[in-house]
Every structure is written in structure tokens, then in C-alpha cells.
Amino acid sequence: MKHDPPPLPTAAPEPARKPLPEAAKRALAEAEARRAEAAKHTAAREKEFQGPKGPEPTRYGDWETKGIASDF
């Protein structure tokens, strides 16, 4: 006797999104401009030698000593 699994239910299509208000469009454009400006400044920085590979651990007020970050 062969047992066939029941068919999978089909997902309902997502409802269409509402159009964004003008204020939201302006906010998105401003955020994109800030990201572009930050990327420009990041590329202009000098290369750091023997520093941390990722983001600075001190960016949140933490201190780093020999690769160990602590906050006090």
C-alpha cells in the first residue's frame, strides 16, 4: 500500500504595502545621504597598523587592553 503525503498548503500572497508618506521618503533620503557621507569619511581615514581588526571596542565607552574589552 502506497501512502502519499497530503499536499502542502499554499501561502497566501502578501497584501500590497501602503505607499510611503512624504515625510518617510524624506527621512529615507536623509539617511542614505548620511550613510554616503560616513562612507566617504571612512575611506579617507589613514590605515591603522596593529589595531583591532573590527570596530573599535571603545565606541561604546569600553576600554581594551591586550584584546580584552571591559567597561567600568
N, C-alpha and C. Protein backbone atom coordinates (compact mmCIF):
# COMPACT_ATOMS: atom_id res chain seq x y z
N MET A 1 0.84 -1.17 0.00
CA MET A 1 0.00 0.00 0.00
C MET A 1 0.89 1.24 0.00
N LYS A 2 0.65 2.14 -0.91
CA LYS A 2 1.45 3.35 -1.05
C LYS A 2 0.75 4.50 -0.33
N HIS A 3 1.56 5.23 0.44
CA HIS A 3 1.00 6.34 1.21
C HIS A 3 1.52 7.65 0.63
N ASP A 4 0.65 8.47 0.08
CA ASP A 4 1.03 9.77 -0.45
C ASP A 4 0.83 10.83 0.63
N PRO A 5 1.83 11.70 0.82
CA PRO A 5 1.66 12.76 1.81
C PRO A 5 0.60 13.75 1.34
N PRO A 6 -0.05 14.39 2.28
CA PRO A 6 -1.06 15.39 1.89
C PRO A 6 -0.38 16.57 1.21
N PRO A 7 -1.06 17.23 0.30
CA PRO A 7 -0.45 18.38 -0.38
C PRO A 7 -0.18 19.51 0.61
N LEU A 8 0.91 20.24 0.36
CA LEU A 8 1.27 21.36 1.23
C LEU A 8 0.32 22.52 0.99
N PRO A 9 -0.05 23.20 2.05
CA PRO A 9 -0.92 24.36 1.86
C PRO A 9 -0.15 25.48 1.16
N THR A 10 -0.81 26.18 0.28
CA THR A 10 -0.16 27.28 -0.42
C THR A 10 -0.23 28.53 0.44
N ALA A 11 0.82 29.30 0.40
CA ALA A 11 0.86 30.53 1.19
C ALA A 11 0.01 31.60 0.52
N ALA A 12 -0.68 32.34 1.33
CA ALA A 12 -1.49 33.43 0.81
C ALA A 12 -0.56 34.54 0.34
N PRO A 13 -0.85 35.19 -0.76
CA PRO A 13 0.01 36.27 -1.23
C PRO A 13 0.00 37.42 -0.23
N GLU A 14 1.16 38.09 -0.12
CA GLU A 14 1.25 39.22 0.81
C GLU A 14 0.39 40.37 0.30
N PRO A 15 -0.28 41.03 1.22
CA PRO A 15 -1.07 42.19 0.79
C PRO A 15 -0.13 43.30 0.33
N ALA A 16 -0.60 44.11 -0.58
CA ALA A 16 0.21 45.22 -1.10
C ALA A 16 0.49 46.21 0.03
N ARG A 17 1.70 46.76 0.02
CA ARG A 17 2.06 47.73 1.05
C ARG A 17 1.46 49.09 0.71
N LYS A 18 1.20 49.85 1.76
CA LYS A 18 0.70 51.21 1.56
C LYS A 18 1.84 52.08 1.05
N PRO A 19 1.55 53.05 0.22
CA PRO A 19 2.61 53.96 -0.24
C PRO A 19 3.17 54.75 0.95
N LEU A 20 4.47 55.05 0.89
CA LEU A 20 5.12 55.78 1.98
C LEU A 20 4.69 57.24 1.97
N PRO A 21 4.50 57.81 3.15
CA PRO A 21 4.23 59.25 3.22
C PRO A 21 5.47 60.04 2.80
N GLU A 22 5.27 61.30 2.45
CA GLU A 22 6.39 62.14 2.01
C GLU A 22 7.43 62.29 3.11
N ALA A 23 7.02 62.37 4.37
CA ALA A 23 7.97 62.51 5.48
C ALA A 23 8.86 61.27 5.56
N ALA A 24 8.31 60.10 5.34
CA ALA A 24 9.10 58.87 5.38
C ALA A 24 10.08 58.83 4.22
N LYS A 25 9.64 59.28 3.06
CA LYS A 25 10.54 59.31 1.89
C LYS A 25 11.70 60.27 2.14
N ARG A 26 11.40 61.44 2.74
CA ARG A 26 12.47 62.39 3.06
C ARG A 26 13.44 61.80 4.08
N ALA A 27 12.90 61.11 5.09
CA ALA A 27 13.76 60.50 6.12
C ALA A 27 14.67 59.44 5.51
N LEU A 28 14.15 58.64 4.60
CA LEU A 28 14.98 57.63 3.94
C LEU A 28 16.07 58.28 3.09
N ALA A 29 15.73 59.35 2.40
CA ALA A 29 16.72 60.05 1.58
C ALA A 29 17.81 60.67 2.46
N GLU A 30 17.41 61.26 3.60
CA GLU A 30 18.40 61.84 4.51
C GLU A 30 19.31 60.77 5.09
N ALA A 31 18.75 59.62 5.44
CA ALA A 31 19.56 58.53 5.99
C ALA A 31 20.56 58.03 4.95
N GLU A 32 20.13 57.93 3.71
CA GLU A 32 21.04 57.49 2.64
C GLU A 32 22.16 58.50 2.45
N ALA A 33 21.84 59.80 2.54
CA ALA A 33 22.87 60.83 2.40
C ALA A 33 23.87 60.74 3.56
N ARG A 34 23.37 60.50 4.79
CA ARG A 34 24.28 60.35 5.93
C ARG A 34 25.18 59.14 5.76
N ARG A 35 24.63 58.02 5.26
CA ARG A 35 25.45 56.82 5.04
C ARG A 35 26.54 57.09 4.00
N ALA A 36 26.19 57.80 2.93
CA ALA A 36 27.17 58.11 1.89
C ALA A 36 28.26 59.02 2.44
N GLU A 37 27.89 59.99 3.25
CA GLU A 37 28.87 60.90 3.85
C GLU A 37 29.79 60.14 4.81
N ALA A 38 29.23 59.24 5.60
CA ALA A 38 30.05 58.44 6.53
C ALA A 38 30.99 57.52 5.77
N ALA A 39 30.54 56.95 4.67
CA ALA A 39 31.40 56.08 3.87
C ALA A 39 32.54 56.87 3.26
N LYS A 40 32.28 58.12 2.87
CA LYS A 40 33.32 58.96 2.30
C LYS A 40 34.41 59.24 3.34
N HIS A 41 34.00 59.52 4.59
CA HIS A 41 34.97 59.80 5.65
C HIS A 41 35.72 58.53 6.06
N THR A 42 35.07 57.40 6.01
CA THR A 42 35.72 56.13 6.36
C THR A 42 36.82 55.81 5.36
N ALA A 43 36.57 56.06 4.09
CA ALA A 43 37.56 55.76 3.06
C ALA A 43 38.74 56.72 3.15
N ALA A 44 38.54 57.92 3.68
CA ALA A 44 39.60 58.93 3.73
C ALA A 44 40.53 58.74 4.93
N ARG A 45 40.14 57.92 5.91
CA ARG A 45 40.98 57.73 7.09
C ARG A 45 42.27 56.99 6.77
N GLU A 46 43.30 57.29 7.55
CA GLU A 46 44.56 56.58 7.39
C GLU A 46 44.42 55.15 7.89
N LYS A 47 45.22 54.25 7.33
CA LYS A 47 45.17 52.85 7.74
C LYS A 47 45.85 52.72 9.10
N GLU A 48 45.22 51.98 9.99
CA GLU A 48 45.76 51.76 11.32
C GLU A 48 46.57 50.47 11.32
N PHE A 49 47.75 50.51 11.90
CA PHE A 49 48.60 49.34 11.99
C PHE A 49 48.55 48.77 13.40
N GLN A 50 48.44 47.47 13.51
CA GLN A 50 48.41 46.72 14.76
C GLN A 50 47.24 47.14 15.64
N GLY A 51 46.16 47.60 15.06
CA GLY A 51 44.98 47.96 15.82
C GLY A 51 43.97 46.83 15.76
N PRO A 52 42.81 47.00 16.36
CA PRO A 52 41.78 45.97 16.31
C PRO A 52 41.29 45.79 14.88
N LYS A 53 40.95 44.57 14.52
CA LYS A 53 40.53 44.26 13.15
C LYS A 53 39.11 44.76 12.88
N GLY A 54 38.25 44.69 13.86
CA GLY A 54 36.86 45.09 13.66
C GLY A 54 36.63 46.50 14.16
N PRO A 55 35.39 46.82 14.48
CA PRO A 55 35.07 48.14 15.01
C PRO A 55 35.77 48.37 16.35
N GLU A 56 36.06 49.62 16.66
CA GLU A 56 36.73 49.96 17.91
C GLU A 56 35.89 49.50 19.10
N PRO A 57 36.49 48.79 20.06
CA PRO A 57 35.72 48.40 21.24
C PRO A 57 35.38 49.59 22.12
N THR A 58 36.09 50.71 21.96
CA THR A 58 35.84 51.87 22.80
C THR A 58 34.68 52.72 22.29
N ARG A 59 34.03 52.32 21.21
CA ARG A 59 32.96 53.14 20.64
C ARG A 59 31.76 53.22 21.56
N TYR A 60 31.63 52.30 22.51
CA TYR A 60 30.53 52.33 23.47
C TYR A 60 31.02 52.70 24.86
N GLY A 61 32.21 53.26 24.98
CA GLY A 61 32.75 53.64 26.27
C GLY A 61 33.50 52.50 26.95
N ASP A 62 33.76 51.42 26.27
CA ASP A 62 34.53 50.31 26.83
C ASP A 62 36.01 50.58 26.64
N TRP A 63 36.83 49.91 27.42
CA TRP A 63 38.28 50.01 27.30
C TRP A 63 38.82 48.68 26.85
N GLU A 64 39.90 48.70 26.11
CA GLU A 64 40.50 47.46 25.64
C GLU A 64 41.96 47.42 26.06
N THR A 65 42.38 46.28 26.62
CA THR A 65 43.77 46.04 26.98
C THR A 65 44.14 44.64 26.54
N LYS A 66 45.11 44.53 25.67
CA LYS A 66 45.59 43.24 25.17
C LYS A 66 44.45 42.39 24.59
N GLY A 67 43.55 43.03 23.88
CA GLY A 67 42.47 42.30 23.23
C GLY A 67 41.27 42.01 24.10
N ILE A 68 41.31 42.42 25.37
CA ILE A 68 40.19 42.18 26.28
C ILE A 68 39.48 43.51 26.52
N ALA A 69 38.22 43.58 26.16
CA ALA A 69 37.45 44.81 26.34
C ALA A 69 36.71 44.73 27.67
N SER A 70 36.71 45.84 28.40
CA SER A 70 35.99 45.89 29.67
C SER A 70 35.34 47.26 29.80
N ASP A 71 34.29 47.30 30.57
CA ASP A 71 33.65 48.59 30.83
C ASP A 71 33.56 48.77 32.34
N PHE A 72 34.05 49.90 32.78
CA PHE A 72 33.99 50.17 34.20
C PHE A 72 33.79 51.61 34.49
